[in-house]
Amino acid sequence: MSSCTFSICPRPLFGLILFLFTLPLVDCKAQVLEKINTNQGTNKNFSYSIQSTYGVSTNSNATPNLRVDTEAVLKLQKGSFITNKSGAIGGETGAVFSATPSGANFSLTGVNADNKFLIDDGTKFRAALVTTDLDGKPSIGNASATATHTLTVSVVNGESSFSNYIRSNFTGAQ
């Protein structure tokens, strides 16, 4: 009967371990720092304004062979006023803005324009066209003198958004 033995020589393993221990030892430091800043938001803006005006205007358009004479004088009595109010103490003001495929609708509540114009003596409106030259050419023109009152409500509805993302990396090794 024969026997067979197998053995590992410890010398190569010992040599590898000795080699690893004899490597120069190096002090090694590493640093990784990351900073992320993120902010975002949405701003919704809504504003409205009301403007009331009352006044006079004259207008004319005439051919050269017409003389135009227009005058508009407006005198208001004491007690006349223009007041535009938004809500009241304890009252409510509201606005609804809705977009549709064919346009937009707007409903404003709690906003009042209270205007009282008392016309006084001495107010007059006059407009006249007089032919100046009978030159055979047609005389064509129009003239007017009127009182005007305008109430304008302007509405602005908008939205803006922002997003900031800042990422900073710092690495270092010694």
N, C-alpha and C. Protein backbone atom coordinates (compact mmCIF):
# COMPACT_ATOMS: atom_id res chain seq x y z
N MET A 1 0.83 -1.14 0.00
CA MET A 1 0.00 0.00 0.00
C MET A 1 0.88 1.20 0.00
N SER A 2 0.46 2.09 -0.78
CA SER A 2 1.28 3.29 -0.85
C SER A 2 0.48 4.46 -0.36
N SER A 3 1.12 5.43 0.19
CA SER A 3 0.41 6.60 0.67
C SER A 3 1.00 7.84 0.01
N CYS A 4 0.16 8.76 -0.10
CA CYS A 4 0.53 10.00 -0.79
C CYS A 4 0.24 11.14 0.15
N THR A 5 1.16 12.00 0.32
CA THR A 5 0.93 13.16 1.18
C THR A 5 1.12 14.42 0.35
N PHE A 6 0.33 15.40 0.74
CA PHE A 6 0.39 16.66 0.01
C PHE A 6 0.61 17.74 1.04
N SER A 7 1.55 18.62 0.80
CA SER A 7 1.80 19.68 1.77
C SER A 7 2.11 20.96 1.03
N ILE A 8 1.78 22.05 1.70
CA ILE A 8 2.05 23.38 1.12
C ILE A 8 3.27 23.91 1.82
N CYS A 9 4.12 24.39 1.01
CA CYS A 9 5.35 24.94 1.57
C CYS A 9 5.04 26.30 2.15
N PRO A 10 5.33 26.53 3.40
CA PRO A 10 5.01 27.80 4.02
C PRO A 10 5.92 28.93 3.57
N ARG A 11 6.98 28.66 2.86
CA ARG A 11 7.91 29.72 2.49
C ARG A 11 7.30 30.77 1.56
N PRO A 12 6.61 30.44 0.46
CA PRO A 12 6.07 31.51 -0.37
C PRO A 12 5.03 32.35 0.37
N LEU A 13 4.20 31.76 1.18
CA LEU A 13 3.20 32.50 1.93
C LEU A 13 3.88 33.42 2.93
N PHE A 14 4.89 32.95 3.57
CA PHE A 14 5.65 33.76 4.51
C PHE A 14 6.31 34.93 3.79
N GLY A 15 6.78 34.71 2.60
CA GLY A 15 7.42 35.77 1.82
C GLY A 15 6.43 36.86 1.43
N LEU A 16 5.21 36.47 1.08
CA LEU A 16 4.20 37.45 0.71
C LEU A 16 3.82 38.30 1.92
N ILE A 17 3.64 37.68 3.05
CA ILE A 17 3.29 38.41 4.26
C ILE A 17 4.42 39.35 4.65
N LEU A 18 5.66 38.89 4.54
CA LEU A 18 6.79 39.73 4.87
C LEU A 18 6.88 40.92 3.93
N PHE A 19 6.58 40.71 2.63
CA PHE A 19 6.61 41.79 1.65
C PHE A 19 5.56 42.85 1.99
N LEU A 20 4.35 42.45 2.35
CA LEU A 20 3.29 43.40 2.67
C LEU A 20 3.64 44.23 3.90
N PHE A 21 4.30 43.63 4.87
CA PHE A 21 4.67 44.38 6.07
C PHE A 21 5.84 45.31 5.84
N THR A 22 6.60 45.07 4.84
CA THR A 22 7.76 45.92 4.62
C THR A 22 7.48 47.08 3.67
N LEU A 23 6.27 47.18 3.11
CA LEU A 23 5.94 48.32 2.25
C LEU A 23 6.02 49.59 3.07
N PRO A 24 6.42 50.68 2.44
CA PRO A 24 6.49 51.93 3.21
C PRO A 24 5.07 52.35 3.61
N LEU A 25 4.95 52.77 4.82
CA LEU A 25 3.65 53.21 5.30
C LEU A 25 3.46 54.67 4.91
N VAL A 26 2.33 54.97 4.22
CA VAL A 26 2.02 56.31 3.74
C VAL A 26 0.77 56.79 4.46
N ASP A 27 0.85 58.01 4.99
CA ASP A 27 -0.30 58.60 5.65
C ASP A 27 -1.21 59.15 4.55
N CYS A 28 -2.43 58.69 4.46
CA CYS A 28 -3.34 59.06 3.37
C CYS A 28 -4.64 59.59 3.97
N LYS A 29 -5.05 60.80 3.53
CA LYS A 29 -6.30 61.41 3.99
C LYS A 29 -7.09 61.86 2.77
N ALA A 30 -8.40 61.67 2.80
CA ALA A 30 -9.27 62.11 1.72
C ALA A 30 -10.50 62.78 2.31
N GLN A 31 -11.02 63.78 1.60
CA GLN A 31 -12.19 64.49 2.08
C GLN A 31 -13.13 64.73 0.91
N VAL A 32 -14.42 64.48 1.10
CA VAL A 32 -15.44 64.79 0.11
C VAL A 32 -16.55 65.54 0.85
N LEU A 33 -16.88 66.70 0.35
CA LEU A 33 -17.94 67.51 0.95
C LEU A 33 -18.87 67.95 -0.17
N GLU A 34 -20.16 67.76 0.01
CA GLU A 34 -21.12 68.18 -1.00
C GLU A 34 -22.19 69.03 -0.33
N LYS A 35 -22.53 70.13 -0.98
CA LYS A 35 -23.54 71.03 -0.45
C LYS A 35 -24.56 71.29 -1.55
N ILE A 36 -25.82 71.10 -1.22
CA ILE A 36 -26.89 71.31 -2.19
C ILE A 36 -27.87 72.32 -1.59
N ASN A 37 -28.13 73.38 -2.33
CA ASN A 37 -29.13 74.38 -1.94
C ASN A 37 -30.22 74.37 -2.99
N THR A 38 -31.44 74.20 -2.56
CA THR A 38 -32.57 74.20 -3.48
C THR A 38 -33.66 75.07 -2.89
N ASN A 39 -34.20 75.96 -3.71
CA ASN A 39 -35.40 76.69 -3.30
C ASN A 39 -36.25 76.94 -4.53
N GLN A 40 -37.52 76.98 -4.30
CA GLN A 40 -38.45 77.21 -5.39
C GLN A 40 -39.72 77.82 -4.84
N GLY A 41 -40.50 78.41 -5.72
CA GLY A 41 -41.73 79.02 -5.27
C GLY A 41 -42.54 79.56 -6.42
N THR A 42 -43.72 80.00 -6.08
CA THR A 42 -44.63 80.58 -7.05
C THR A 42 -45.18 81.87 -6.48
N ASN A 43 -45.20 82.90 -7.29
CA ASN A 43 -45.79 84.18 -6.91
C ASN A 43 -47.04 84.40 -7.74
N LYS A 44 -48.14 84.67 -7.09
CA LYS A 44 -49.38 85.00 -7.79
C LYS A 44 -49.66 86.47 -7.56
N ASN A 45 -49.89 87.18 -8.64
CA ASN A 45 -50.10 88.62 -8.58
C ASN A 45 -51.49 88.94 -9.11
N PHE A 46 -52.21 89.76 -8.39
CA PHE A 46 -53.52 90.22 -8.84
C PHE A 46 -53.65 91.68 -8.44
N SER A 47 -54.06 92.50 -9.35
CA SER A 47 -54.30 93.91 -9.01
C SER A 47 -55.41 94.45 -9.89
N TYR A 48 -56.08 95.44 -9.39
CA TYR A 48 -57.09 96.12 -10.18
C TYR A 48 -57.05 97.61 -9.84
N SER A 49 -57.52 98.40 -10.76
CA SER A 49 -57.61 99.83 -10.52
C SER A 49 -58.88 100.35 -11.17
N ILE A 50 -59.43 101.39 -10.58
CA ILE A 50 -60.64 102.02 -11.09
C ILE A 50 -60.31 103.49 -11.32
N GLN A 51 -60.72 103.99 -12.46
CA GLN A 51 -60.49 105.40 -12.75
C GLN A 51 -61.78 106.00 -13.30
N SER A 52 -62.21 107.07 -12.70
CA SER A 52 -63.39 107.80 -13.17
C SER A 52 -62.96 109.19 -13.59
N THR A 53 -63.44 109.62 -14.74
CA THR A 53 -63.15 110.97 -15.20
C THR A 53 -64.44 111.60 -15.73
N TYR A 54 -64.52 112.89 -15.63
CA TYR A 54 -65.64 113.63 -16.18
C TYR A 54 -65.07 114.90 -16.77
N GLY A 55 -65.46 115.22 -17.96
CA GLY A 55 -64.92 116.42 -18.59
C GLY A 55 -65.69 116.78 -19.84
N VAL A 56 -65.08 117.58 -20.66
CA VAL A 56 -65.70 118.01 -21.92
C VAL A 56 -64.72 117.76 -23.05
N SER A 57 -65.26 117.65 -24.24
CA SER A 57 -64.40 117.52 -25.41
C SER A 57 -65.07 118.17 -26.61
N THR A 58 -64.25 118.63 -27.51
CA THR A 58 -64.74 119.13 -28.79
C THR A 58 -63.99 118.39 -29.88
N ASN A 59 -64.67 118.22 -31.00
CA ASN A 59 -64.08 117.47 -32.10
C ASN A 59 -64.62 118.06 -33.40
N SER A 60 -63.75 118.16 -34.40
CA SER A 60 -64.21 118.66 -35.69
C SER A 60 -63.35 118.09 -36.80
N ASN A 61 -63.98 118.01 -37.96
CA ASN A 61 -63.31 117.57 -39.18
C ASN A 61 -64.05 118.25 -40.33
N ALA A 62 -63.36 119.07 -41.11
CA ALA A 62 -64.06 119.85 -42.13
C ALA A 62 -63.16 120.11 -43.33
N THR A 63 -63.80 120.32 -44.47
CA THR A 63 -63.08 120.72 -45.68
C THR A 63 -62.64 122.18 -45.51
N PRO A 64 -61.67 122.64 -46.32
CA PRO A 64 -61.14 124.01 -46.16
C PRO A 64 -62.17 125.12 -46.37
N ASN A 65 -63.28 124.85 -47.04
CA ASN A 65 -64.26 125.91 -47.29
C ASN A 65 -65.31 126.00 -46.17
N LEU A 66 -65.02 125.41 -44.99
CA LEU A 66 -65.90 125.50 -43.82
C LEU A 66 -65.15 126.11 -42.65
N ARG A 67 -65.84 126.94 -41.88
CA ARG A 67 -65.29 127.47 -40.64
C ARG A 67 -65.93 126.68 -39.51
N VAL A 68 -65.09 126.22 -38.60
CA VAL A 68 -65.56 125.41 -37.48
C VAL A 68 -65.50 126.25 -36.21
N ASP A 69 -66.59 126.21 -35.44
CA ASP A 69 -66.65 126.95 -34.18
C ASP A 69 -67.22 125.99 -33.12
N THR A 70 -66.37 125.55 -32.20
CA THR A 70 -66.81 124.63 -31.14
C THR A 70 -66.42 125.21 -29.78
N GLU A 71 -67.26 124.94 -28.81
CA GLU A 71 -66.98 125.39 -27.46
C GLU A 71 -67.66 124.43 -26.49
N ALA A 72 -66.94 124.10 -25.42
CA ALA A 72 -67.49 123.25 -24.36
C ALA A 72 -67.02 123.81 -23.03
N VAL A 73 -67.96 124.16 -22.20
CA VAL A 73 -67.66 124.71 -20.88
C VAL A 73 -68.47 123.90 -19.87
N LEU A 74 -67.80 123.39 -18.86
CA LEU A 74 -68.45 122.59 -17.83
C LEU A 74 -68.21 123.24 -16.48
N LYS A 75 -69.29 123.54 -15.80
CA LYS A 75 -69.20 124.07 -14.44
C LYS A 75 -69.97 123.12 -13.54
N LEU A 76 -69.30 122.67 -12.49
CA LEU A 76 -69.93 121.75 -11.55
C LEU A 76 -70.29 122.47 -10.27
N GLN A 77 -71.41 122.11 -9.68
CA GLN A 77 -71.85 122.69 -8.41
C GLN A 77 -71.06 122.08 -7.26
N LYS A 78 -71.08 122.81 -6.14
CA LYS A 78 -70.54 122.23 -4.91
C LYS A 78 -71.36 120.99 -4.59
N GLY A 79 -70.70 120.01 -4.04
CA GLY A 79 -71.38 118.75 -3.72
C GLY A 79 -71.16 117.68 -4.78
N SER A 80 -70.55 118.05 -5.92
CA SER A 80 -70.20 117.04 -6.91
C SER A 80 -69.01 116.24 -6.39
N PHE A 81 -68.97 114.95 -6.69
CA PHE A 81 -67.86 114.13 -6.21
C PHE A 81 -67.64 112.91 -7.08
N ILE A 82 -66.45 112.39 -6.98
CA ILE A 82 -66.07 111.11 -7.58
C ILE A 82 -65.49 110.27 -6.46
N THR A 83 -66.09 109.13 -6.21
CA THR A 83 -65.60 108.25 -5.15
C THR A 83 -65.55 106.82 -5.69
N ASN A 84 -64.41 106.22 -5.62
CA ASN A 84 -64.25 104.81 -5.99
C ASN A 84 -63.89 104.06 -4.72
N LYS A 85 -64.67 103.06 -4.37
CA LYS A 85 -64.46 102.33 -3.14
C LYS A 85 -64.21 100.86 -3.42
N SER A 86 -63.39 100.28 -2.58
CA SER A 86 -63.15 98.85 -2.63
C SER A 86 -63.52 98.28 -1.28
N GLY A 87 -64.66 97.61 -1.21
CA GLY A 87 -65.09 97.03 0.06
C GLY A 87 -65.52 98.12 1.03
N ALA A 88 -65.76 97.70 2.23
CA ALA A 88 -66.14 98.62 3.30
C ALA A 88 -65.58 98.03 4.58
N ILE A 89 -65.66 98.79 5.64
CA ILE A 89 -65.20 98.26 6.92
C ILE A 89 -66.05 97.04 7.24
N GLY A 90 -65.43 95.91 7.37
CA GLY A 90 -66.15 94.67 7.62
C GLY A 90 -66.77 94.08 6.37
N GLY A 91 -66.66 94.76 5.24
CA GLY A 91 -67.24 94.26 3.99
C GLY A 91 -66.28 93.33 3.27
N GLU A 92 -66.75 92.79 2.20
CA GLU A 92 -65.92 91.86 1.44
C GLU A 92 -65.67 92.38 0.04
N THR A 93 -64.48 92.12 -0.43
CA THR A 93 -64.11 92.39 -1.81
C THR A 93 -63.64 91.08 -2.40
N GLY A 94 -64.04 90.78 -3.61
CA GLY A 94 -63.63 89.52 -4.20
C GLY A 94 -63.46 89.64 -5.70
N ALA A 95 -62.68 88.73 -6.22
CA ALA A 95 -62.46 88.68 -7.65
C ALA A 95 -62.33 87.22 -8.06
N VAL A 96 -62.98 86.88 -9.15
CA VAL A 96 -62.88 85.53 -9.71
C VAL A 96 -62.47 85.68 -11.16
N PHE A 97 -61.34 85.07 -11.49
CA PHE A 97 -60.81 85.11 -12.84
C PHE A 97 -60.80 83.68 -13.35
N SER A 98 -61.49 83.41 -14.44
CA SER A 98 -61.52 82.04 -14.96
C SER A 98 -61.20 82.05 -16.45
N ALA A 99 -60.29 81.18 -16.82
CA ALA A 99 -59.88 81.06 -18.23
C ALA A 99 -60.69 79.94 -18.87
N THR A 100 -61.13 80.17 -20.09
CA THR A 100 -61.86 79.18 -20.86
C THR A 100 -61.14 78.97 -22.18
N PRO A 101 -61.46 77.92 -22.91
CA PRO A 101 -60.80 77.72 -24.21
C PRO A 101 -61.05 78.85 -25.19
N SER A 102 -62.14 79.60 -25.01
CA SER A 102 -62.44 80.67 -25.96
C SER A 102 -62.14 82.06 -25.43
N GLY A 103 -61.57 82.17 -24.23
CA GLY A 103 -61.27 83.49 -23.69
C GLY A 103 -61.15 83.44 -22.19
N ALA A 104 -61.56 84.51 -21.53
CA ALA A 104 -61.49 84.58 -20.07
C ALA A 104 -62.68 85.38 -19.56
N ASN A 105 -63.07 85.06 -18.33
CA ASN A 105 -64.15 85.77 -17.66
C ASN A 105 -63.63 86.31 -16.34
N PHE A 106 -64.20 87.44 -15.95
CA PHE A 106 -63.75 88.08 -14.73
C PHE A 106 -64.96 88.63 -13.99
N SER A 107 -65.01 88.37 -12.70
CA SER A 107 -66.09 88.88 -11.86
C SER A 107 -65.47 89.57 -10.65
N LEU A 108 -65.80 90.85 -10.48
CA LEU A 108 -65.26 91.66 -9.40
C LEU A 108 -66.43 92.09 -8.52
N THR A 109 -66.36 91.80 -7.22
CA THR A 109 -67.42 92.18 -6.31
C THR A 109 -66.85 93.05 -5.20
N GLY A 110 -67.71 93.88 -4.63
CA GLY A 110 -67.29 94.73 -3.52
C GLY A 110 -66.58 95.99 -3.95
N VAL A 111 -66.61 96.31 -5.24
CA VAL A 111 -65.97 97.52 -5.75
C VAL A 111 -67.08 98.44 -6.27
N ASN A 112 -67.08 99.67 -5.79
CA ASN A 112 -68.14 100.60 -6.16
C ASN A 112 -67.55 101.90 -6.69
N ALA A 113 -68.19 102.42 -7.72
CA ALA A 113 -67.87 103.75 -8.22
C ALA A 113 -69.10 104.61 -7.94
N ASP A 114 -68.95 105.56 -7.07
CA ASP A 114 -70.05 106.43 -6.68
C ASP A 114 -69.70 107.84 -7.15
N ASN A 115 -70.28 108.23 -8.26
CA ASN A 115 -69.96 109.51 -8.88
C ASN A 115 -71.22 110.38 -8.93
N LYS A 116 -71.09 111.60 -8.48
CA LYS A 116 -72.22 112.52 -8.52
C LYS A 116 -71.74 113.84 -9.11
N PHE A 117 -72.25 114.13 -10.30
CA PHE A 117 -71.86 115.36 -10.99
C PHE A 117 -73.09 116.27 -11.06
N LEU A 118 -73.02 117.38 -10.40
CA LEU A 118 -74.11 118.35 -10.42
C LEU A 118 -73.69 119.50 -11.33
N ILE A 119 -74.36 119.62 -12.46
CA ILE A 119 -73.99 120.63 -13.45
C ILE A 119 -74.57 121.98 -13.04
N ASP A 120 -73.73 123.00 -13.06
CA ASP A 120 -74.10 124.33 -12.60
C ASP A 120 -74.42 125.24 -13.79
N ASP A 121 -75.01 126.39 -13.46
CA ASP A 121 -75.29 127.42 -14.48
C ASP A 121 -73.96 127.86 -15.12
N GLY A 122 -74.01 128.18 -16.38
CA GLY A 122 -72.82 128.59 -17.11
C GLY A 122 -72.21 127.45 -17.92
N THR A 123 -72.75 126.26 -17.77
CA THR A 123 -72.28 125.13 -18.58
C THR A 123 -72.89 125.26 -19.97
N LYS A 124 -72.06 125.11 -21.00
CA LYS A 124 -72.58 125.21 -22.37
C LYS A 124 -71.75 124.36 -23.32
N PHE A 125 -72.45 123.92 -24.33
CA PHE A 125 -71.83 123.12 -25.39
C PHE A 125 -72.32 123.69 -26.71
N ARG A 126 -71.36 124.01 -27.59
CA ARG A 126 -71.73 124.61 -28.86
C ARG A 126 -70.80 124.08 -29.94
N ALA A 127 -71.40 123.77 -31.09
CA ALA A 127 -70.62 123.35 -32.25
C ALA A 127 -71.31 123.88 -33.50
N ALA A 128 -70.54 124.53 -34.37
CA ALA A 128 -71.13 125.12 -35.58
C ALA A 128 -70.16 124.98 -36.75
N LEU A 129 -70.72 124.76 -37.93
CA LEU A 129 -69.97 124.74 -39.19
C LEU A 129 -70.59 125.81 -40.09
N VAL A 130 -69.77 126.72 -40.61
CA VAL A 130 -70.25 127.79 -41.46
C VAL A 130 -69.46 127.77 -42.76
N THR A 131 -70.19 127.86 -43.88
CA THR A 131 -69.54 127.89 -45.19
C THR A 131 -68.86 129.25 -45.35
N THR A 132 -67.59 129.22 -45.75
CA THR A 132 -66.83 130.45 -45.88
C THR A 132 -66.63 130.87 -47.33
N ASP A 133 -66.62 129.95 -48.23
CA ASP A 133 -66.29 130.26 -49.62
C ASP A 133 -67.19 129.44 -50.52
N LEU A 134 -67.94 130.09 -51.36
CA LEU A 134 -68.78 129.37 -52.32
C LEU A 134 -67.95 129.12 -53.57
N ASP A 135 -67.08 128.13 -53.46
CA ASP A 135 -66.16 127.84 -54.56
C ASP A 135 -66.66 126.72 -55.46
N GLY A 136 -67.87 126.26 -55.26
CA GLY A 136 -68.42 125.21 -56.09
C GLY A 136 -68.01 123.81 -55.63
N LYS A 137 -67.12 123.72 -54.69
CA LYS A 137 -66.71 122.42 -54.16
C LYS A 137 -67.63 122.04 -53.02
N PRO A 138 -67.81 120.75 -52.80
CA PRO A 138 -68.69 120.34 -51.71
C PRO A 138 -68.11 120.76 -50.35
N SER A 139 -68.99 121.14 -49.45
CA SER A 139 -68.62 121.46 -48.07
C SER A 139 -69.00 120.26 -47.22
N ILE A 140 -67.99 119.63 -46.65
CA ILE A 140 -68.21 118.41 -45.86
C ILE A 140 -67.53 118.59 -44.51
N GLY A 141 -68.24 118.28 -43.44
CA GLY A 141 -67.62 118.39 -42.12
C GLY A 141 -68.52 117.90 -41.02
N ASN A 142 -67.93 117.78 -39.87
CA ASN A 142 -68.70 117.47 -38.65
C ASN A 142 -68.01 118.15 -37.49
N ALA A 143 -68.78 118.47 -36.48
CA ALA A 143 -68.25 119.13 -35.28
C ALA A 143 -69.11 118.71 -34.10
N SER A 144 -68.48 118.61 -32.94
CA SER A 144 -69.24 118.24 -31.74
C SER A 144 -68.60 118.87 -30.52
N ALA A 145 -69.43 119.11 -29.51
CA ALA A 145 -68.98 119.57 -28.21
C ALA A 145 -69.80 118.76 -27.20
N THR A 146 -69.13 117.98 -26.39
CA THR A 146 -69.84 117.05 -25.52
C THR A 146 -69.23 117.00 -24.12
N ALA A 147 -70.05 116.52 -23.20
CA ALA A 147 -69.56 116.17 -21.87
C ALA A 147 -69.14 114.70 -21.93
N THR A 148 -68.10 114.37 -21.22
CA THR A 148 -67.63 112.99 -21.25
C THR A 148 -67.52 112.45 -19.83
N HIS A 149 -67.86 111.21 -19.68
CA HIS A 149 -67.67 110.51 -18.42
C HIS A 149 -67.11 109.14 -18.75
N THR A 150 -66.02 108.80 -18.10
CA THR A 150 -65.37 107.50 -18.35
C THR A 150 -65.14 106.80 -17.03
N LEU A 151 -65.52 105.55 -16.97
CA LEU A 151 -65.23 104.69 -15.83
C LEU A 151 -64.45 103.51 -16.38
N THR A 152 -63.20 103.37 -15.94
CA THR A 152 -62.32 102.31 -16.43
C THR A 152 -61.92 101.41 -15.27
N VAL A 153 -62.12 100.12 -15.45
CA VAL A 153 -61.65 99.13 -14.48
C VAL A 153 -60.58 98.31 -15.17
N SER A 154 -59.37 98.34 -14.63
CA SER A 154 -58.26 97.57 -15.20
C SER A 154 -57.92 96.43 -14.24
N VAL A 155 -57.77 95.24 -14.79
CA VAL A 155 -57.47 94.07 -13.98
C VAL A 155 -56.22 93.40 -14.54
N VAL A 156 -55.31 93.05 -13.63
CA VAL A 156 -54.09 92.34 -14.02
C VAL A 156 -54.02 91.08 -13.17
N ASN A 157 -53.92 89.94 -13.82
CA ASN A 157 -53.79 88.67 -13.12
C ASN A 157 -52.58 87.96 -13.70
N GLY A 158 -51.67 87.53 -12.86
CA GLY A 158 -50.46 86.88 -13.37
C GLY A 158 -49.88 85.93 -12.36
N GLU A 159 -48.99 85.09 -12.85
CA GLU A 159 -48.32 84.13 -12.00
C GLU A 159 -46.89 83.97 -12.50
N SER A 160 -45.97 83.90 -11.58
CA SER A 160 -44.58 83.65 -11.95
C SER A 160 -44.02 82.60 -11.00
N SER A 161 -43.09 81.82 -11.49
CA SER A 161 -42.50 80.80 -10.64
C SER A 161 -40.99 80.80 -10.82
N PHE A 162 -40.29 80.27 -9.83
CA PHE A 162 -38.84 80.20 -9.91
C PHE A 162 -38.37 78.93 -9.24
N SER A 163 -37.20 78.48 -9.65
CA SER A 163 -36.57 77.30 -9.07
C SER A 163 -35.07 77.49 -9.14
N ASN A 164 -34.40 77.39 -8.00
CA ASN A 164 -32.95 77.52 -7.94
C ASN A 164 -32.37 76.22 -7.41
N TYR A 165 -31.35 75.73 -8.07
CA TYR A 165 -30.68 74.51 -7.64
C TYR A 165 -29.19 74.76 -7.74
N ILE A 166 -28.50 74.73 -6.62
CA ILE A 166 -27.06 74.97 -6.60
C ILE A 166 -26.41 73.75 -5.94
N ARG A 167 -25.47 73.14 -6.62
CA ARG A 167 -24.76 72.00 -6.07
C ARG A 167 -23.28 72.30 -6.10
N SER A 168 -22.64 72.17 -4.97
CA SER A 168 -21.21 72.45 -4.85
C SER A 168 -20.51 71.20 -4.32
N ASN A 169 -19.43 70.80 -4.98
CA ASN A 169 -18.63 69.65 -4.53
C ASN A 169 -17.24 70.13 -4.20
N PHE A 170 -16.71 69.66 -3.10
CA PHE A 170 -15.36 69.96 -2.70
C PHE A 170 -14.67 68.63 -2.40
N THR A 171 -13.54 68.37 -3.03
CA THR A 171 -12.79 67.15 -2.75
C THR A 171 -11.34 67.53 -2.51
N GLY A 172 -10.70 66.73 -1.75
CA GLY A 172 -9.29 66.99 -1.50
C GLY A 172 -8.61 65.71 -1.03
N ALA A 173 -7.34 65.55 -1.33
CA ALA A 173 -6.58 64.38 -0.89
C ALA A 173 -5.16 64.84 -0.52
N GLN A 174 -4.59 64.17 0.47
CA GLN A 174 -3.20 64.49 0.87
C GLN A 174 -2.41 63.23 0.92
